[in-house]
Amino acid sequence: MSMQRSTLSYLKWPLAVTVVGLGLSGWLGWATEGSWSGVVSFLIVGTVLAALEIALSFDNAIVNANKLEEMTPVWQRRFLTWGILIAVFGMRIVFPLAIVAIFAWINPFAAVHLALSDPDQYSEIIGGAHGPISAFGGTFLMMVALKFFIDEDKSIDWIEMLEKRLRVWGSIRGFEIAFVLVIVLLICRSLPEVEQGAFLTSAVMGLLVFTLVDGLGIYLDNIAGSTAAVGAKGGFGAFMYLEVLDASFSFDGVIGAFALTTNILLIAIGLGIGAMYVRSMTIMLVERGTLAEFRYLEHGAFYSIFALSVIMFLQSIFHVHELITGGIGMGLIGLAFFASILHNKREAQSP
């Protein structure tokens, strides 16, 4: 694909999905409510859900773009095709149903029936699982952010005073794991005793999954480096890493969606539309080399990830509105973008 593609060309598929998705939202509103007010209501909620997903996942697009640049072309295509199917159907439909099946001790078919026949009870079960979900997602995302900042090969700093110290501390073996576990224990002590076991177990699972997925990626890259195996370096390991990362980002959006509607089909449509825009932003960032052009944009994304991980932990204690979560993420990325522009101007003016 050419590097000269227009911005509109990247939005071709998302716009098509938007038209189809909003059409389905309107039809669902009529089928559910049987009135034009129901159609309008479902259209509005579907649009808000799509916007919510884009706001919460813009940093995800930046991180995906950074990882995709290291992947082989065949695995890039697989992530952008298979990955969108997993993101939309897996995380927006299967994941909420799996939560209900596990926490309500019912089979998946009963979970589907519950979602369609009694959405209020379905939403209540999802809400009851919020603590463990936040523990898993918060732990995984905090490890992702810390790995970026303590990387000894990292040569560009945005907030130099902080990031240089983090690299020094990161030279201590296991520093990031110890840091995350301290945060987990502090949050755990703030919870009612009956909730502490599930929270701690989910946090440890998040740490374990990160370690396994990250280790798998390193192992496959090492194999590729020593044997020149086609498709290994930047291949399956990187693909799995991005899928788990995408899942962790999706937790907040899926849970937040139930504050707007309990209709599982409408949630899937709205968040699915947003996921298509995030994928298109990822492609655009890779093809245009935006991360290289704006040197601090990646830093802003990882600061945003760290902030999101903290918010997810706090969600276990009290509710943080999704607009605040999305606003903080977009604000940090906006600051990084502005700092990058200033740096580029200084570079252009220097002799």
Protein backbone atom coordinates (compact mmCIF):
# COMPACT_ATOMS: atom_id res chain seq x y z
CA MET A 1 0.00 0.00 0.00
CA SER A 2 1.27 3.45 -0.83
CA MET A 3 2.51 5.89 1.75
CA GLN A 4 0.66 8.63 -0.16
CA ARG A 5 -2.82 7.44 0.69
CA SER A 6 -5.22 10.18 1.74
CA THR A 7 -6.67 10.30 5.22
CA LEU A 8 -10.11 9.58 3.79
CA SER A 9 -8.89 6.32 2.25
CA TYR A 10 -8.02 5.03 5.72
CA LEU A 11 -11.58 5.77 6.84
CA LYS A 12 -13.26 3.92 3.99
CA TRP A 13 -14.01 0.72 5.90
CA PRO A 14 -14.76 2.39 9.26
CA LEU A 15 -17.26 4.71 7.57
CA ALA A 16 -18.90 1.75 5.82
CA VAL A 17 -19.11 -0.14 9.12
CA THR A 18 -20.53 3.01 10.77
CA VAL A 19 -23.36 3.23 8.23
CA VAL A 20 -24.19 -0.48 8.57
CA GLY A 21 -23.76 -0.42 12.35
CA LEU A 22 -26.00 2.60 12.91
CA GLY A 23 -28.54 1.10 10.54
CA LEU A 24 -28.56 -2.06 12.65
CA SER A 25 -28.79 0.07 15.81
CA GLY A 26 -31.89 1.80 14.45
CA TRP A 27 -33.46 -1.51 13.42
CA LEU A 28 -32.66 -2.95 16.86
CA GLY A 29 -34.31 0.05 18.47
CA TRP A 30 -37.47 -0.49 16.44
CA ALA A 31 -37.46 -4.26 17.12
CA THR A 32 -36.95 -3.68 20.84
CA GLU A 33 -39.08 -0.60 21.54
CA GLY A 34 -41.46 -0.63 18.57
CA SER A 35 -41.35 3.17 18.24
CA TRP A 36 -39.41 5.94 16.50
CA SER A 37 -38.25 7.25 19.87
CA GLY A 38 -36.67 3.83 20.44
CA VAL A 39 -34.93 4.08 17.06
CA VAL A 40 -33.51 7.53 17.93
CA SER A 41 -32.49 6.39 21.41
CA PHE A 42 -30.60 3.36 20.10
CA LEU A 43 -28.91 5.47 17.40
CA ILE A 44 -27.69 7.96 20.01
CA VAL A 45 -26.42 5.26 22.37
CA GLY A 46 -24.68 3.43 19.50
CA THR A 47 -22.93 6.66 18.45
CA VAL A 48 -21.85 7.46 22.02
CA LEU A 49 -20.51 3.92 22.49
CA ALA A 50 -18.43 4.23 19.31
CA ALA A 51 -17.04 7.60 20.46
CA LEU A 52 -16.30 6.14 23.92
CA GLU A 53 -14.36 3.26 22.40
CA ILE A 54 -12.28 5.62 20.22
CA ALA A 55 -11.47 7.93 23.17
CA LEU A 56 -10.48 5.05 25.45
CA SER A 57 -8.45 3.19 22.80
CA PHE A 58 -6.49 5.91 20.97
CA ASP A 59 -3.42 5.09 23.07
CA ASN A 60 -3.97 1.46 22.15
CA ALA A 61 -3.68 2.39 18.46
CA ILE A 62 -0.34 4.10 19.09
CA VAL A 63 1.09 1.13 20.98
CA ASN A 64 -0.23 -1.27 18.32
CA ALA A 65 1.45 0.80 15.62
CA ASN A 66 4.77 0.69 17.48
CA LYS A 67 4.61 -3.11 17.76
CA LEU A 68 3.35 -3.59 14.20
CA GLU A 69 6.41 -1.82 12.81
CA GLU A 70 8.51 -4.70 14.19
CA MET A 71 6.24 -7.44 12.80
CA THR A 72 6.62 -9.27 9.52
CA PRO A 73 4.19 -8.20 6.75
CA VAL A 74 2.24 -11.46 6.93
CA TRP A 75 1.64 -11.09 10.68
CA GLN A 76 0.75 -7.42 10.22
CA ARG A 77 -2.01 -8.50 7.83
CA ARG A 78 -3.15 -11.23 10.21
CA PHE A 79 -3.40 -8.78 13.10
CA LEU A 80 -5.36 -6.28 11.03
CA THR A 81 -7.77 -8.98 9.76
CA TRP A 82 -7.98 -11.78 12.33
CA GLY A 83 -7.32 -9.24 15.07
CA ILE A 84 -10.38 -7.14 14.27
CA LEU A 85 -12.57 -10.25 14.33
CA ILE A 86 -11.19 -11.20 17.74
CA ALA A 87 -11.55 -7.63 18.99
CA VAL A 88 -15.17 -7.21 17.85
CA PHE A 89 -16.62 -10.67 18.35
CA GLY A 90 -14.31 -11.97 21.05
CA MET A 91 -14.07 -8.99 23.39
CA ARG A 92 -17.40 -7.27 22.66
CA ILE A 93 -19.65 -10.36 22.59
CA VAL A 94 -17.93 -13.52 23.87
CA PHE A 95 -16.11 -11.82 26.76
CA PRO A 96 -19.21 -10.35 28.50
CA LEU A 97 -21.06 -13.65 28.00
CA ALA A 98 -18.12 -15.58 29.46
CA ILE A 99 -18.11 -13.34 32.53
CA VAL A 100 -21.78 -14.02 33.17
CA ALA A 101 -21.33 -17.77 32.59
CA ILE A 102 -18.45 -17.91 35.09
CA PHE A 103 -19.84 -15.69 37.83
CA ALA A 104 -23.43 -16.93 37.57
CA TRP A 105 -22.36 -20.59 37.25
CA ILE A 106 -24.47 -21.13 34.13
CA ASN A 107 -23.61 -22.54 30.71
CA PRO A 108 -22.82 -20.18 27.79
CA PHE A 109 -26.19 -20.80 26.11
CA ALA A 110 -27.97 -19.80 29.31
CA ALA A 111 -25.80 -16.68 29.43
CA VAL A 112 -26.92 -15.75 25.90
CA HIS A 113 -30.55 -16.32 26.88
CA LEU A 114 -30.09 -14.20 30.01
CA ALA A 115 -28.50 -11.36 28.01
CA LEU A 116 -31.44 -11.26 25.62
CA SER A 117 -34.32 -12.02 28.01
CA ASP A 118 -33.22 -10.25 31.22
CA PRO A 119 -30.61 -7.59 30.38
CA ASP A 120 -30.91 -5.92 33.79
CA GLN A 121 -29.85 -9.06 35.66
CA TYR A 122 -27.15 -9.62 33.03
CA SER A 123 -25.82 -6.10 33.67
CA GLU A 124 -25.91 -6.67 37.43
CA ILE A 125 -23.73 -9.78 37.10
CA ILE A 126 -21.28 -7.89 34.89
CA GLY A 127 -21.11 -5.12 37.50
CA GLY A 128 -20.42 -7.66 40.24
CA ALA A 129 -17.39 -8.88 38.29
CA HIS A 130 -15.96 -5.39 37.92
CA GLY A 131 -13.42 -5.76 40.74
CA PRO A 132 -11.62 -8.87 39.45
CA ILE A 133 -11.71 -7.55 35.86
CA SER A 134 -10.16 -4.26 36.98
CA ALA A 135 -7.47 -6.14 38.91
CA PHE A 136 -6.49 -8.24 35.88
CA GLY A 137 -6.55 -5.35 33.40
CA GLY A 138 -4.87 -2.88 35.75
CA THR A 139 -2.01 -5.28 36.49
CA PHE A 140 -1.42 -6.17 32.85
CA LEU A 141 -1.50 -2.56 31.62
CA MET A 142 0.76 -1.30 34.42
CA MET A 143 3.34 -3.94 33.48
CA VAL A 144 3.08 -2.85 29.83
CA ALA A 145 3.75 0.79 30.75
CA LEU A 146 6.59 0.05 33.16
CA LYS A 147 8.32 -2.24 30.65
CA PHE A 148 8.49 0.68 28.21
CA PHE A 149 9.91 3.16 30.73
CA ILE A 150 12.56 0.87 32.31
CA ASP A 151 13.87 -0.39 28.96
CA GLU A 152 17.65 0.21 29.00
CA ASP A 153 17.66 0.49 25.18
CA LYS A 154 15.22 3.42 25.31
CA SER A 155 17.16 6.45 24.05
CA ILE A 156 14.49 9.19 23.88
CA ASP A 157 13.00 10.78 27.00
CA TRP A 158 10.09 13.18 27.18
CA ILE A 159 10.04 13.93 30.93
CA GLU A 160 13.76 13.37 31.40
CA MET A 161 13.98 13.67 35.19
CA LEU A 162 11.39 10.94 35.74
CA GLU A 163 12.23 8.63 32.86
CA LYS A 164 15.99 8.54 33.54
CA ARG A 165 15.32 7.61 37.17
CA LEU A 166 12.90 4.90 36.09
CA ARG A 167 15.62 3.34 33.93
CA VAL A 168 18.01 3.38 36.89
CA TRP A 169 15.42 1.75 39.15
CA GLY A 170 14.52 -0.65 36.36
CA SER A 171 18.07 -2.01 36.40
CA ILE A 172 17.12 -3.64 39.72
CA ARG A 173 15.97 -7.15 38.84
CA GLY A 174 12.21 -7.55 39.29
CA PHE A 175 11.63 -3.85 40.10
CA GLU A 176 8.49 -3.54 37.94
CA ILE A 177 6.94 -6.70 39.39
CA ALA A 178 7.60 -5.54 42.95
CA PHE A 179 6.15 -2.10 42.15
CA VAL A 180 2.94 -3.56 40.72
CA LEU A 181 2.53 -6.00 43.62
CA VAL A 182 2.85 -3.16 46.15
CA ILE A 183 0.07 -1.26 44.34
CA VAL A 184 -2.08 -4.41 44.25
CA LEU A 185 -1.62 -5.03 47.99
CA LEU A 186 -2.45 -1.39 48.84
CA ILE A 187 -5.67 -1.53 46.78
CA CYS A 188 -6.49 -4.96 48.20
CA ARG A 189 -6.30 -3.65 51.78
CA SER A 190 -8.84 -0.96 50.88
CA LEU A 191 -11.43 -3.53 49.79
CA PRO A 192 -13.94 -5.42 51.95
CA GLU A 193 -12.45 -8.69 53.18
CA VAL A 194 -14.92 -10.75 51.13
CA GLU A 195 -13.63 -9.16 47.87
CA GLN A 196 -9.90 -9.35 48.60
CA GLY A 197 -9.35 -12.96 47.52
CA ALA A 198 -10.90 -12.53 44.07
CA PHE A 199 -9.08 -9.22 43.51
CA LEU A 200 -5.68 -10.64 44.48
CA THR A 201 -6.18 -13.79 42.40
CA SER A 202 -7.14 -11.77 39.32
CA ALA A 203 -4.16 -9.43 39.77
CA VAL A 204 -1.76 -12.37 39.99
CA MET A 205 -3.37 -13.85 36.86
CA GLY A 206 -2.80 -10.53 35.05
CA LEU A 207 0.86 -10.61 36.09
CA LEU A 208 1.17 -14.24 35.02
CA VAL A 209 -0.44 -13.66 31.62
CA PHE A 210 1.83 -10.66 30.95
CA THR A 211 4.91 -12.69 31.88
CA LEU A 212 3.88 -15.63 29.68
CA VAL A 213 2.90 -13.53 26.65
CA ASP A 214 5.93 -11.25 26.90
CA GLY A 215 8.22 -14.24 27.39
CA LEU A 216 6.68 -16.01 24.39
CA GLY A 217 7.38 -13.00 22.19
CA ILE A 218 11.02 -12.82 23.33
CA TYR A 219 11.48 -16.57 22.87
CA LEU A 220 10.13 -16.54 19.31
CA ASP A 221 12.20 -13.48 18.42
CA ASN A 222 15.33 -15.23 19.72
CA ILE A 223 14.54 -18.29 17.60
CA ALA A 224 14.12 -16.06 14.56
CA GLY A 225 17.39 -14.30 15.27
CA SER A 226 19.37 -17.55 15.47
CA THR A 227 17.66 -19.59 12.75
CA ALA A 228 16.25 -16.86 10.44
CA ALA A 229 12.91 -18.66 10.61
CA VAL A 230 10.48 -16.92 8.32
CA GLY A 231 7.57 -15.36 10.17
CA ALA A 232 8.89 -16.08 13.66
CA LYS A 233 10.40 -12.72 14.49
CA GLY A 234 7.61 -10.24 15.06
CA GLY A 235 5.19 -13.08 14.41
CA PHE A 236 2.94 -15.19 16.60
CA GLY A 237 4.43 -13.95 19.88
CA ALA A 238 3.91 -10.31 18.94
CA PHE A 239 0.42 -11.14 17.65
CA MET A 240 -0.55 -12.75 20.98
CA TYR A 241 0.95 -9.83 22.91
CA LEU A 242 -1.14 -7.34 20.95
CA GLU A 243 -4.32 -9.40 21.32
CA VAL A 244 -3.97 -9.63 25.11
CA LEU A 245 -3.10 -5.93 25.23
CA ASP A 246 -6.18 -5.12 23.16
CA ALA A 247 -8.29 -7.23 25.50
CA SER A 248 -6.97 -5.33 28.53
CA PHE A 249 -7.84 -2.02 26.90
CA SER A 250 -11.30 -3.34 26.10
CA PHE A 251 -12.20 -4.15 29.71
CA ASP A 252 -12.87 -0.54 30.62
CA GLY A 253 -14.96 0.15 27.52
CA VAL A 254 -17.07 -3.01 27.88
CA ILE A 255 -17.79 -2.37 31.56
CA GLY A 256 -18.48 1.31 30.94
CA ALA A 257 -20.87 0.46 28.12
CA PHE A 258 -23.29 -1.14 30.59
CA ALA A 259 -23.71 2.26 32.22
CA LEU A 260 -25.33 3.41 28.95
CA THR A 261 -27.32 0.31 27.96
CA THR A 262 -27.85 -3.29 29.00
CA ASN A 263 -28.55 -4.45 25.45
CA ILE A 264 -25.63 -6.75 24.56
CA LEU A 265 -26.26 -6.46 20.82
CA LEU A 266 -26.21 -2.65 20.89
CA ILE A 267 -23.01 -2.72 22.95
CA ALA A 268 -21.36 -5.03 20.42
CA ILE A 269 -22.43 -2.77 17.52
CA GLY A 270 -21.32 0.50 19.15
CA LEU A 271 -17.97 -0.75 20.44
CA GLY A 272 -17.39 -2.64 17.19
CA ILE A 273 -17.73 0.59 15.20
CA GLY A 274 -15.20 2.25 17.49
CA ALA A 275 -12.81 -0.71 17.17
CA MET A 276 -12.78 -0.30 13.38
CA TYR A 277 -11.64 3.33 13.70
CA VAL A 278 -8.90 2.30 16.15
CA ARG A 279 -7.64 -0.32 13.66
CA SER A 280 -7.63 2.25 10.84
CA MET A 281 -5.72 4.72 13.01
CA THR A 282 -3.18 1.96 13.66
CA ILE A 283 -2.68 1.38 9.92
CA MET A 284 -2.33 5.10 9.26
CA LEU A 285 0.26 5.54 12.03
CA VAL A 286 2.34 2.67 10.63
CA GLU A 287 2.18 3.64 6.94
CA ARG A 288 2.82 7.33 7.49
CA GLY A 289 5.62 6.81 10.03
CA THR A 290 3.86 9.13 12.45
CA LEU A 291 5.64 7.75 15.51
CA ALA A 292 9.01 8.63 14.00
CA GLU A 293 7.82 12.09 12.98
CA PHE A 294 6.40 12.93 16.42
CA ARG A 295 9.02 11.58 18.81
CA TYR A 296 7.06 11.93 22.07
CA LEU A 297 3.74 10.54 20.83
CA GLU A 298 4.64 7.02 21.93
CA HIS A 299 5.63 8.34 25.37
CA GLY A 300 2.25 10.01 25.73
CA ALA A 301 0.55 6.71 24.90
CA PHE A 302 2.47 4.82 27.58
CA TYR A 303 1.84 7.54 30.19
CA SER A 304 -1.82 7.19 29.22
CA ILE A 305 -1.61 3.41 29.67
CA PHE A 306 -0.11 3.86 33.14
CA ALA A 307 -2.87 6.33 34.05
CA LEU A 308 -5.50 3.90 32.76
CA SER A 309 -4.01 1.08 34.86
CA VAL A 310 -4.21 3.25 37.98
CA ILE A 311 -7.81 4.19 37.16
CA MET A 312 -8.71 0.52 36.67
CA PHE A 313 -7.33 -0.27 40.12
CA LEU A 314 -9.28 2.63 41.62
CA GLN A 315 -12.43 1.39 39.86
CA SER A 316 -12.36 -1.50 42.31
CA ILE A 317 -12.97 0.99 45.13
CA PHE A 318 -15.15 3.65 43.50
CA HIS A 319 -16.54 4.50 40.08
CA VAL A 320 -14.50 6.73 37.78
CA HIS A 321 -16.56 8.11 34.90
CA GLU A 322 -15.52 6.96 31.45
CA LEU A 323 -15.32 10.56 30.22
CA ILE A 324 -12.62 11.22 32.83
CA THR A 325 -10.73 8.10 31.78
CA GLY A 326 -10.89 8.98 28.09
CA GLY A 327 -10.13 12.65 28.78
CA ILE A 328 -6.96 11.87 30.72
CA GLY A 329 -5.72 9.55 27.98
CA MET A 330 -6.45 12.00 25.16
CA GLY A 331 -4.97 14.85 27.22
CA LEU A 332 -1.65 13.06 27.79
CA ILE A 333 -1.39 12.10 24.12
CA GLY A 334 -2.28 15.68 23.11
CA LEU A 335 0.49 17.07 25.35
CA ALA A 336 2.97 14.61 23.87
CA PHE A 337 1.89 15.60 20.35
CA PHE A 338 2.33 19.31 21.16
CA ALA A 339 5.75 18.66 22.75
CA SER A 340 6.79 16.78 19.60
CA ILE A 341 5.80 19.71 17.39
CA LEU A 342 7.82 22.11 19.57
CA HIS A 343 10.82 19.79 19.38
CA ASN A 344 10.57 19.60 15.59
CA LYS A 345 10.42 23.41 15.36
CA ARG A 346 13.50 23.75 17.57
CA GLU A 347 15.34 21.22 15.41
CA ALA A 348 14.39 23.08 12.23
CA GLN A 349 15.59 26.43 13.64
CA SER A 350 18.89 25.15 15.00
CA PRO A 351 21.89 25.70 12.70
